[in-house]
C-alpha atoms as a PDB file:
ATOM      1  CA  UNK A   1      -9.910 -11.958   6.563  1.00  0.00           C
ATOM      2  CA  UNK A   2      -7.524 -11.298   3.695  1.00  0.00           C
ATOM      3  CA  UNK A   3      -3.966 -10.292   4.434  1.00  0.00           C
ATOM      4  CA  UNK A   4      -2.044  -8.173   1.973  1.00  0.00           C
ATOM      5  CA  UNK A   5       1.712  -7.678   2.160  1.00  0.00           C
ATOM      6  CA  UNK A   6       3.357  -5.025   0.014  1.00  0.00           C
ATOM      7  CA  UNK A   7       7.033  -4.991  -0.889  1.00  0.00           C
ATOM      8  CA  UNK A   8       9.412  -3.490  -3.415  1.00  0.00           C
ATOM      9  CA  UNK A   9       9.517   0.103  -2.264  1.00  0.00           C
ATOM     10  CA  UNK A  10      12.720   2.044  -1.892  1.00  0.00           C
ATOM     11  CA  UNK A  11      14.744   5.047  -2.954  1.00  0.00           C
ATOM     12  CA  UNK A  12      15.210   5.740  -6.642  1.00  0.00           C
ATOM     13  CA  UNK A  13      16.346   8.666  -8.746  1.00  0.00           C
ATOM     14  CA  UNK A  14      13.952  10.549 -10.967  1.00  0.00           C
ATOM     15  CA  UNK A  15      13.497   8.727 -14.242  1.00  0.00           C
ATOM     16  CA  UNK A  16      14.106   5.360 -12.630  1.00  0.00           C
ATOM     17  CA  UNK A  17      11.836   2.370 -12.126  1.00  0.00           C
ATOM     18  CA  UNK A  18      10.491   0.254  -9.303  1.00  0.00           C
ATOM     19  CA  UNK A  19       8.170  -2.724  -9.151  1.00  0.00           C
ATOM     20  CA  UNK A  20       5.871  -3.050  -6.180  1.00  0.00           C
ATOM     21  CA  UNK A  21       4.371  -6.375  -5.173  1.00  0.00           C
ATOM     22  CA  UNK A  22       1.258  -7.117  -3.154  1.00  0.00           C
ATOM     23  CA  UNK A  23       0.964 -10.693  -1.979  1.00  0.00           C
ATOM     24  CA  UNK A  24      -2.522 -11.814  -0.953  1.00  0.00           C
ATOM     25  CA  UNK A  25      -3.310 -14.567   1.532  1.00  0.00           C
ATOM     26  CA  UNK A  26      -6.129 -15.798  -0.707  1.00  0.00           C
ATOM     27  CA  UNK A  27      -6.459 -16.532  -4.362  1.00  0.00           C
ATOM     28  CA  UNK A  28      -6.761 -13.261  -6.269  1.00  0.00           C
ATOM     29  CA  UNK A  29      -9.405 -14.965  -8.374  1.00  0.00           C
ATOM     30  CA  UNK A  30     -11.688 -14.602  -5.322  1.00  0.00           C
ATOM     31  CA  UNK A  31     -11.102 -10.824  -5.235  1.00  0.00           C
ATOM     32  CA  UNK A  32     -13.250  -8.546  -7.373  1.00  0.00           C
ATOM     33  CA  UNK A  33     -10.824  -5.633  -7.487  1.00  0.00           C
ATOM     34  CA  UNK A  34      -7.211  -5.142  -6.449  1.00  0.00           C
ATOM     35  CA  UNK A  35      -5.936  -1.609  -6.360  1.00  0.00           C
ATOM     36  CA  UNK A  36      -2.950   0.509  -5.490  1.00  0.00           C
ATOM     37  CA  UNK A  37      -3.292   3.751  -3.583  1.00  0.00           C
ATOM     38  CA  UNK A  38      -0.676   6.190  -2.341  1.00  0.00           C
ATOM     39  CA  UNK A  39      -0.402   8.810   0.337  1.00  0.00           C
ATOM     40  CA  UNK A  40       2.178  11.558   0.306  1.00  0.00           C
ATOM     41  CA  UNK A  41       3.081  13.488   3.486  1.00  0.00           C
ATOM     42  CA  UNK A  42       0.372  15.992   4.352  1.00  0.00           C
ATOM     43  CA  UNK A  43      -1.930  14.765   1.590  1.00  0.00           C
ATOM     44  CA  UNK A  44      -4.952  12.510   1.379  1.00  0.00           C
ATOM     45  CA  UNK A  45      -4.651   8.965   0.177  1.00  0.00           C
ATOM     46  CA  UNK A  46      -5.300   8.774  -3.548  1.00  0.00           C
ATOM     47  CA  UNK A  47      -6.138   5.983  -5.929  1.00  0.00           C
ATOM     48  CA  UNK A  48      -3.381   5.061  -8.400  1.00  0.00           C
ATOM     49  CA  UNK A  49      -4.478   2.013 -10.370  1.00  0.00           C
ATOM     50  CA  UNK A  50      -6.778  -0.988 -10.194  1.00  0.00           C
ATOM     51  CA  UNK A  51      -7.350  -4.341 -11.831  1.00  0.00           C
ATOM     52  CA  UNK A  52     -10.527  -6.399 -11.760  1.00  0.00           C
ATOM     53  CA  UNK A  53     -11.002 -10.150 -11.585  1.00  0.00           C
ATOM     54  CA  UNK A  54     -11.640 -10.055 -15.311  1.00  0.00           C
ATOM     55  CA  UNK A  55      -8.343  -8.301 -15.979  1.00  0.00           C
ATOM     56  CA  UNK A  56      -9.719  -4.836 -16.679  1.00  0.00           C
ATOM     57  CA  UNK A  57      -7.246  -2.139 -15.655  1.00  0.00           C
ATOM     58  CA  UNK A  58      -7.644   1.522 -14.926  1.00  0.00           C
ATOM     59  CA  UNK A  59      -5.205   4.285 -14.009  1.00  0.00           C
ATOM     60  CA  UNK A  60      -5.148   7.733 -12.497  1.00  0.00           C
ATOM     61  CA  UNK A  61      -4.281  10.373 -15.037  1.00  0.00           C
ATOM     62  CA  UNK A  62      -1.073  11.280 -13.233  1.00  0.00           C
ATOM     63  CA  UNK A  63       0.402   7.793 -13.713  1.00  0.00           C
ATOM     64  CA  UNK A  64      -1.153   6.640 -16.953  1.00  0.00           C
ATOM     65  CA  UNK A  65       1.428   5.546 -19.517  1.00  0.00           C
ATOM     66  CA  UNK A  66       4.083   5.314 -16.764  1.00  0.00           C
ATOM     67  CA  UNK A  67       2.657   2.705 -14.368  1.00  0.00           C
ATOM     68  CA  UNK A  68       1.341  -0.758 -15.159  1.00  0.00           C
ATOM     69  CA  UNK A  69      -0.764  -2.919 -12.848  1.00  0.00           C
ATOM     70  CA  UNK A  70      -0.854  -6.661 -13.403  1.00  0.00           C
ATOM     71  CA  UNK A  71      -1.993  -9.803 -11.631  1.00  0.00           C
ATOM     72  CA  UNK A  72      -0.113 -13.071 -11.112  1.00  0.00           C
ATOM     73  CA  UNK A  73      -2.813 -15.594 -10.340  1.00  0.00           C
ATOM     74  CA  UNK A  74      -0.613 -18.627  -9.523  1.00  0.00           C
ATOM     75  CA  UNK A  75       1.296 -16.566  -6.960  1.00  0.00           C
ATOM     76  CA  UNK A  76      -1.708 -14.590  -5.656  1.00  0.00           C
ATOM     77  CA  UNK A  77       0.185 -11.391  -6.259  1.00  0.00           C
ATOM     78  CA  UNK A  78      -0.561  -8.079  -7.923  1.00  0.00           C
ATOM     79  CA  UNK A  79       2.235  -5.883  -9.194  1.00  0.00           C
ATOM     80  CA  UNK A  80       2.669  -2.212  -9.916  1.00  0.00           C
ATOM     81  CA  UNK A  81       5.449  -1.531 -12.397  1.00  0.00           C
ATOM     82  CA  UNK A  82       6.447   2.112 -12.088  1.00  0.00           C
ATOM     83  CA  UNK A  83       8.580   3.681 -14.803  1.00  0.00           C
ATOM     84  CA  UNK A  84       9.769   7.227 -15.436  1.00  0.00           C
ATOM     85  CA  UNK A  85       9.357   8.016 -11.759  1.00  0.00           C
ATOM     86  CA  UNK A  86       9.060  11.626 -10.657  1.00  0.00           C
ATOM     87  CA  UNK A  87       9.684  13.248  -7.262  1.00  0.00           C
ATOM     88  CA  UNK A  88       5.932  13.799  -6.974  1.00  0.00           C
ATOM     89  CA  UNK A  89       5.461  10.023  -6.992  1.00  0.00           C
ATOM     90  CA  UNK A  90       7.050   9.938  -3.533  1.00  0.00           C
ATOM     91  CA  UNK A  91       4.531   8.420  -1.133  1.00  0.00           C
ATOM     92  CA  UNK A  92       3.596   5.377   0.873  1.00  0.00           C
ATOM     93  CA  UNK A  93       1.944   2.949  -1.519  1.00  0.00           C
ATOM     94  CA  UNK A  94      -0.884   0.750  -0.281  1.00  0.00           C
ATOM     95  CA  UNK A  95      -2.584  -2.291  -1.758  1.00  0.00           C
ATOM     96  CA  UNK A  96      -6.339  -2.764  -1.362  1.00  0.00           C
ATOM     97  CA  UNK A  97      -8.535  -5.768  -2.016  1.00  0.00           C
ATOM     98  CA  UNK A  98     -12.271  -5.212  -2.442  1.00  0.00           C
ATOM     99  CA  UNK A  99     -15.161  -7.587  -2.986  1.00  0.00           C
ATOM    100  CA  UNK A 100     -13.549 -10.724  -1.652  1.00  0.00           C
ATOM    101  CA  UNK A 101     -15.711 -13.794  -2.219  1.00  0.00           C
ATOM    102  CA  UNK A 102     -18.484 -11.590  -3.641  1.00  0.00           C
ATOM    103  CA  UNK A 103     -18.975  -9.740  -0.350  1.00  0.00           C
ATOM    104  CA  UNK A 104     -18.968  -5.952   0.225  1.00  0.00           C
ATOM    105  CA  UNK A 105     -15.630  -5.923   2.069  1.00  0.00           C
ATOM    106  CA  UNK A 106     -12.236  -4.352   1.663  1.00  0.00           C
ATOM    107  CA  UNK A 107      -8.803  -4.986   3.089  1.00  0.00           C
ATOM    108  CA  UNK A 108      -5.623  -2.935   3.129  1.00  0.00           C
ATOM    109  CA  UNK A 109      -1.965  -3.743   3.336  1.00  0.00           C
ATOM    110  CA  UNK A 110       0.500  -1.977   5.593  1.00  0.00           C
ATOM    111  CA  UNK A 111       2.113   0.069   2.837  1.00  0.00           C
ATOM    112  CA  UNK A 112       5.559   0.403   1.327  1.00  0.00           C
ATOM    113  CA  UNK A 113       7.554   3.622   1.043  1.00  0.00           C
ATOM    114  CA  UNK A 114       8.615   4.921  -2.356  1.00  0.00           C
ATOM    115  CA  UNK A 115      10.976   7.880  -2.440  1.00  0.00           C
ATOM    116  CA  UNK A 116      12.022   9.507  -5.707  1.00  0.00           C
ATOM    117  CA  UNK A 117      14.929  11.901  -5.532  1.00  0.00           C
ATOM    118  CA  UNK A 118      15.427  14.724  -8.000  1.00  0.00           C
END
């Protein structure tokens, strides 16, 4: 069982920045893919960005060139740096770990609220 704890959410004005953190209870080297998702009120959860064990990153088109995902192996943490935030980025952001210890599993964090005011 992997526990994921997100932090760093808050209220920010449009154009501002936030950095989200996702702390894992196990070494992120043991996790195949770490990803960020978000869910806005009344909408389905959507994928935002992901990073693989090998460091390969990928982004949704709506956040590409504004968000950056990165891993901090010594601290077992993955970050999501969010710049040039827009009101439409307002959502609860969730961290997901998939493929822990080479098994077909996935784990989710509890989420952190990001609100961008116009």
